[in-house]
Amino acid sequence: MTRKTKEEKKIAAYRKKLQFLQAMTKSKIVEEPKKVDQPLNVKAIEAIESQSKPAHFLKDLKKSFVLIFFIITLEIIIYFVSINR
């Protein structure tokens, strides 16, 4: 049996993805009845996105400061321990 080339691997992956998506759309059509949703306004979408961004940013910033604090503290401890030897 010959080895697959990169192009054949890409084609095989694409076929699998296509089959998966087709199966998902068929099952979705059968399972879910049609819903009539009102589209959200652009302003409402922007408001939702703007509320979530600062929360994630502040969480990440807090974690970064804590990590930096522990690293600097560890370096200071290692420095003073090495001086005493």
N, C-alpha and C. Protein backbone atom coordinates (compact mmCIF):
# COMPACT_ATOMS: atom_id res chain seq x y z
N MET A 1 0.84 -1.17 0.00
CA MET A 1 0.00 0.00 0.00
C MET A 1 0.89 1.24 0.00
N THR A 2 0.60 2.18 -0.86
CA THR A 2 1.43 3.37 -0.96
C THR A 2 1.04 4.38 0.09
N ARG A 3 1.96 5.25 0.38
CA ARG A 3 1.70 6.29 1.37
C ARG A 3 0.91 7.43 0.74
N LYS A 4 0.12 8.08 1.56
CA LYS A 4 -0.65 9.20 1.07
C LYS A 4 0.24 10.43 0.96
N THR A 5 0.01 11.21 -0.07
CA THR A 5 0.72 12.48 -0.20
C THR A 5 -0.01 13.52 0.63
N LYS A 6 0.60 14.68 0.75
CA LYS A 6 -0.03 15.75 1.52
C LYS A 6 -1.36 16.17 0.89
N GLU A 7 -1.38 16.22 -0.43
CA GLU A 7 -2.61 16.61 -1.10
C GLU A 7 -3.71 15.59 -0.87
N GLU A 8 -3.38 14.31 -0.91
CA GLU A 8 -4.38 13.28 -0.67
C GLU A 8 -4.90 13.34 0.76
N LYS A 9 -4.01 13.65 1.70
CA LYS A 9 -4.44 13.79 3.10
C LYS A 9 -5.40 14.97 3.25
N LYS A 10 -5.09 16.09 2.57
CA LYS A 10 -5.97 17.25 2.64
C LYS A 10 -7.33 16.93 2.03
N ILE A 11 -7.31 16.21 0.89
CA ILE A 11 -8.57 15.86 0.23
C ILE A 11 -9.39 14.93 1.12
N ALA A 12 -8.73 13.95 1.76
CA ALA A 12 -9.44 13.02 2.64
C ALA A 12 -10.04 13.76 3.84
N ALA A 13 -9.28 14.68 4.41
CA ALA A 13 -9.79 15.46 5.55
C ALA A 13 -10.97 16.32 5.12
N TYR A 14 -10.87 16.89 3.91
CA TYR A 14 -11.96 17.71 3.41
C TYR A 14 -13.21 16.87 3.20
N ARG A 15 -13.07 15.66 2.65
CA ARG A 15 -14.21 14.77 2.44
C ARG A 15 -14.87 14.41 3.77
N LYS A 16 -14.06 14.10 4.78
CA LYS A 16 -14.60 13.75 6.09
C LYS A 16 -15.39 14.92 6.68
N LYS A 17 -14.80 16.10 6.54
CA LYS A 17 -15.46 17.29 7.08
C LYS A 17 -16.77 17.55 6.33
N LEU A 18 -16.75 17.37 5.02
CA LEU A 18 -17.94 17.58 4.21
C LEU A 18 -19.03 16.58 4.59
N GLN A 19 -18.67 15.32 4.75
CA GLN A 19 -19.64 14.31 5.15
C GLN A 19 -20.21 14.61 6.53
N PHE A 20 -19.36 15.05 7.44
CA PHE A 20 -19.81 15.39 8.79
C PHE A 20 -20.80 16.55 8.75
N LEU A 21 -20.48 17.58 7.97
CA LEU A 21 -21.37 18.73 7.88
C LEU A 21 -22.69 18.36 7.22
N GLN A 22 -22.65 17.50 6.21
CA GLN A 22 -23.88 17.07 5.58
C GLN A 22 -24.74 16.28 6.56
N ALA A 23 -24.12 15.42 7.33
CA ALA A 23 -24.87 14.64 8.32
C ALA A 23 -25.47 15.56 9.38
N MET A 24 -24.72 16.57 9.79
CA MET A 24 -25.22 17.50 10.79
C MET A 24 -26.41 18.30 10.26
N THR A 25 -26.34 18.75 9.01
CA THR A 25 -27.44 19.54 8.47
C THR A 25 -28.68 18.68 8.29
N LYS A 26 -28.51 17.41 7.88
CA LYS A 26 -29.66 16.52 7.72
C LYS A 26 -30.32 16.26 9.07
N SER A 27 -29.52 15.98 10.09
CA SER A 27 -30.09 15.70 11.40
C SER A 27 -30.70 16.96 12.01
N LYS A 28 -30.13 18.11 11.71
CA LYS A 28 -30.64 19.36 12.24
C LYS A 28 -32.00 19.68 11.62
N ILE A 29 -32.13 19.41 10.33
CA ILE A 29 -33.40 19.68 9.65
C ILE A 29 -34.49 18.77 10.19
N VAL A 30 -34.18 17.53 10.44
CA VAL A 30 -35.17 16.57 10.93
C VAL A 30 -35.55 16.87 12.37
N GLU A 31 -34.57 17.19 13.22
CA GLU A 31 -34.82 17.35 14.65
C GLU A 31 -35.51 18.66 15.00
N GLU A 32 -35.04 19.74 14.43
CA GLU A 32 -35.52 21.05 14.85
C GLU A 32 -36.58 21.59 13.89
N PRO A 33 -37.74 21.97 14.42
CA PRO A 33 -38.69 22.66 13.57
C PRO A 33 -38.19 24.08 13.31
N LYS A 34 -38.70 24.69 12.31
CA LYS A 34 -38.23 26.03 11.96
C LYS A 34 -38.64 27.03 13.03
N LYS A 35 -37.70 27.85 13.41
CA LYS A 35 -37.96 28.90 14.37
C LYS A 35 -37.86 30.24 13.66
N VAL A 36 -38.68 31.16 14.07
CA VAL A 36 -38.62 32.49 13.51
C VAL A 36 -38.05 33.39 14.60
N ASP A 37 -36.78 33.67 14.49
CA ASP A 37 -36.12 34.53 15.46
C ASP A 37 -35.98 35.92 14.88
N GLN A 38 -36.15 36.88 15.74
CA GLN A 38 -35.94 38.25 15.29
C GLN A 38 -34.44 38.53 15.37
N PRO A 39 -33.88 39.07 14.31
CA PRO A 39 -32.45 39.35 14.34
C PRO A 39 -32.13 40.46 15.34
N LEU A 40 -31.00 40.32 16.00
CA LEU A 40 -30.59 41.34 16.96
C LEU A 40 -30.09 42.58 16.22
N ASN A 41 -30.33 43.68 16.83
CA ASN A 41 -29.81 44.92 16.25
C ASN A 41 -28.30 44.94 16.36
N VAL A 42 -27.67 45.70 15.51
CA VAL A 42 -26.22 45.81 15.53
C VAL A 42 -25.78 46.45 16.84
N LYS A 43 -26.54 47.39 17.33
CA LYS A 43 -26.19 48.05 18.59
C LYS A 43 -26.26 47.07 19.76
N ALA A 44 -27.24 46.19 19.75
CA ALA A 44 -27.38 45.21 20.82
C ALA A 44 -26.21 44.23 20.81
N ILE A 45 -25.79 43.81 19.62
CA ILE A 45 -24.66 42.90 19.50
C ILE A 45 -23.38 43.57 19.99
N GLU A 46 -23.18 44.82 19.60
CA GLU A 46 -21.99 45.55 20.05
C GLU A 46 -21.99 45.73 21.56
N ALA A 47 -23.16 45.97 22.14
CA ALA A 47 -23.26 46.15 23.59
C ALA A 47 -22.89 44.86 24.32
N ILE A 48 -23.36 43.73 23.79
CA ILE A 48 -23.05 42.44 24.41
C ILE A 48 -21.55 42.17 24.34
N GLU A 49 -20.95 42.42 23.17
CA GLU A 49 -19.52 42.19 23.00
C GLU A 49 -18.70 43.12 23.87
N SER A 50 -19.11 44.38 23.99
CA SER A 50 -18.33 45.34 24.77
C SER A 50 -18.38 45.02 26.26
N GLN A 51 -19.46 44.39 26.72
CA GLN A 51 -19.55 44.03 28.13
C GLN A 51 -18.64 42.87 28.47
N SER A 52 -18.46 41.93 27.56
CA SER A 52 -17.68 40.74 27.87
C SER A 52 -16.18 40.99 27.74
N LYS A 53 -15.76 41.89 26.87
CA LYS A 53 -14.33 42.11 26.64
C LYS A 53 -13.60 42.63 27.88
N PRO A 54 -14.09 43.67 28.55
CA PRO A 54 -13.34 44.16 29.71
C PRO A 54 -13.25 43.14 30.83
N ALA A 55 -14.27 42.34 31.01
CA ALA A 55 -14.24 41.35 32.09
C ALA A 55 -13.12 40.34 31.86
N HIS A 56 -13.00 39.85 30.64
CA HIS A 56 -11.95 38.90 30.32
C HIS A 56 -10.58 39.56 30.41
N PHE A 57 -10.50 40.79 29.94
CA PHE A 57 -9.23 41.51 29.98
C PHE A 57 -8.78 41.72 31.42
N LEU A 58 -9.70 42.14 32.27
CA LEU A 58 -9.34 42.39 33.67
C LEU A 58 -8.96 41.10 34.39
N LYS A 59 -9.64 40.00 34.06
CA LYS A 59 -9.28 38.71 34.66
C LYS A 59 -7.87 38.31 34.26
N ASP A 60 -7.58 38.43 32.98
CA ASP A 60 -6.25 38.07 32.49
C ASP A 60 -5.18 38.99 33.07
N LEU A 61 -5.48 40.27 33.19
CA LEU A 61 -4.53 41.22 33.75
C LEU A 61 -4.23 40.88 35.21
N LYS A 62 -5.27 40.53 35.96
CA LYS A 62 -5.09 40.17 37.36
C LYS A 62 -4.22 38.92 37.49
N LYS A 63 -4.48 37.91 36.66
CA LYS A 63 -3.68 36.70 36.69
C LYS A 63 -2.23 37.00 36.34
N SER A 64 -2.02 37.88 35.38
CA SER A 64 -0.66 38.23 34.98
C SER A 64 0.08 38.91 36.12
N PHE A 65 -0.59 39.84 36.80
CA PHE A 65 0.06 40.54 37.91
C PHE A 65 0.40 39.58 39.05
N VAL A 66 -0.48 38.67 39.34
CA VAL A 66 -0.22 37.69 40.41
C VAL A 66 0.97 36.82 40.04
N LEU A 67 1.00 36.35 38.81
CA LEU A 67 2.10 35.52 38.34
C LEU A 67 3.43 36.28 38.37
N ILE A 68 3.42 37.51 37.92
CA ILE A 68 4.64 38.34 37.94
C ILE A 68 5.10 38.56 39.37
N PHE A 69 4.16 38.82 40.28
CA PHE A 69 4.50 39.04 41.68
C PHE A 69 5.19 37.81 42.27
N PHE A 70 4.64 36.62 42.01
CA PHE A 70 5.25 35.40 42.54
C PHE A 70 6.62 35.14 41.93
N ILE A 71 6.79 35.42 40.66
CA ILE A 71 8.09 35.21 40.02
C ILE A 71 9.14 36.15 40.60
N ILE A 72 8.79 37.41 40.77
CA ILE A 72 9.73 38.38 41.34
C ILE A 72 10.05 38.00 42.78
N THR A 73 9.07 37.59 43.56
CA THR A 73 9.29 37.17 44.94
C THR A 73 10.23 35.97 44.98
N LEU A 74 10.02 35.02 44.11
CA LEU A 74 10.88 33.84 44.04
C LEU A 74 12.31 34.23 43.69
N GLU A 75 12.47 35.16 42.75
CA GLU A 75 13.82 35.61 42.39
C GLU A 75 14.52 36.30 43.56
N ILE A 76 13.79 37.10 44.31
CA ILE A 76 14.38 37.79 45.47
C ILE A 76 14.79 36.76 46.53
N ILE A 77 13.95 35.79 46.77
CA ILE A 77 14.27 34.75 47.76
C ILE A 77 15.52 33.98 47.32
N ILE A 78 15.57 33.60 46.06
CA ILE A 78 16.74 32.86 45.55
C ILE A 78 18.00 33.73 45.65
N TYR A 79 17.88 35.02 45.40
CA TYR A 79 19.03 35.92 45.48
C TYR A 79 19.57 35.96 46.91
N PHE A 80 18.69 36.16 47.89
CA PHE A 80 19.16 36.27 49.27
C PHE A 80 19.68 34.93 49.82
N VAL A 81 19.13 33.84 49.37
CA VAL A 81 19.63 32.53 49.78
C VAL A 81 21.04 32.31 49.21
N SER A 82 21.25 32.72 47.98
CA SER A 82 22.56 32.52 47.36
C SER A 82 23.61 33.45 47.98
N ILE A 83 23.23 34.60 48.49
CA ILE A 83 24.18 35.51 49.14
C ILE A 83 24.69 34.89 50.45
N ASN A 84 23.82 34.25 51.20
CA ASN A 84 24.20 33.69 52.49
C ASN A 84 25.13 32.48 52.35
N ARG A 85 25.25 31.89 51.21
CA ARG A 85 26.12 30.72 51.05
C ARG A 85 27.51 31.13 50.77
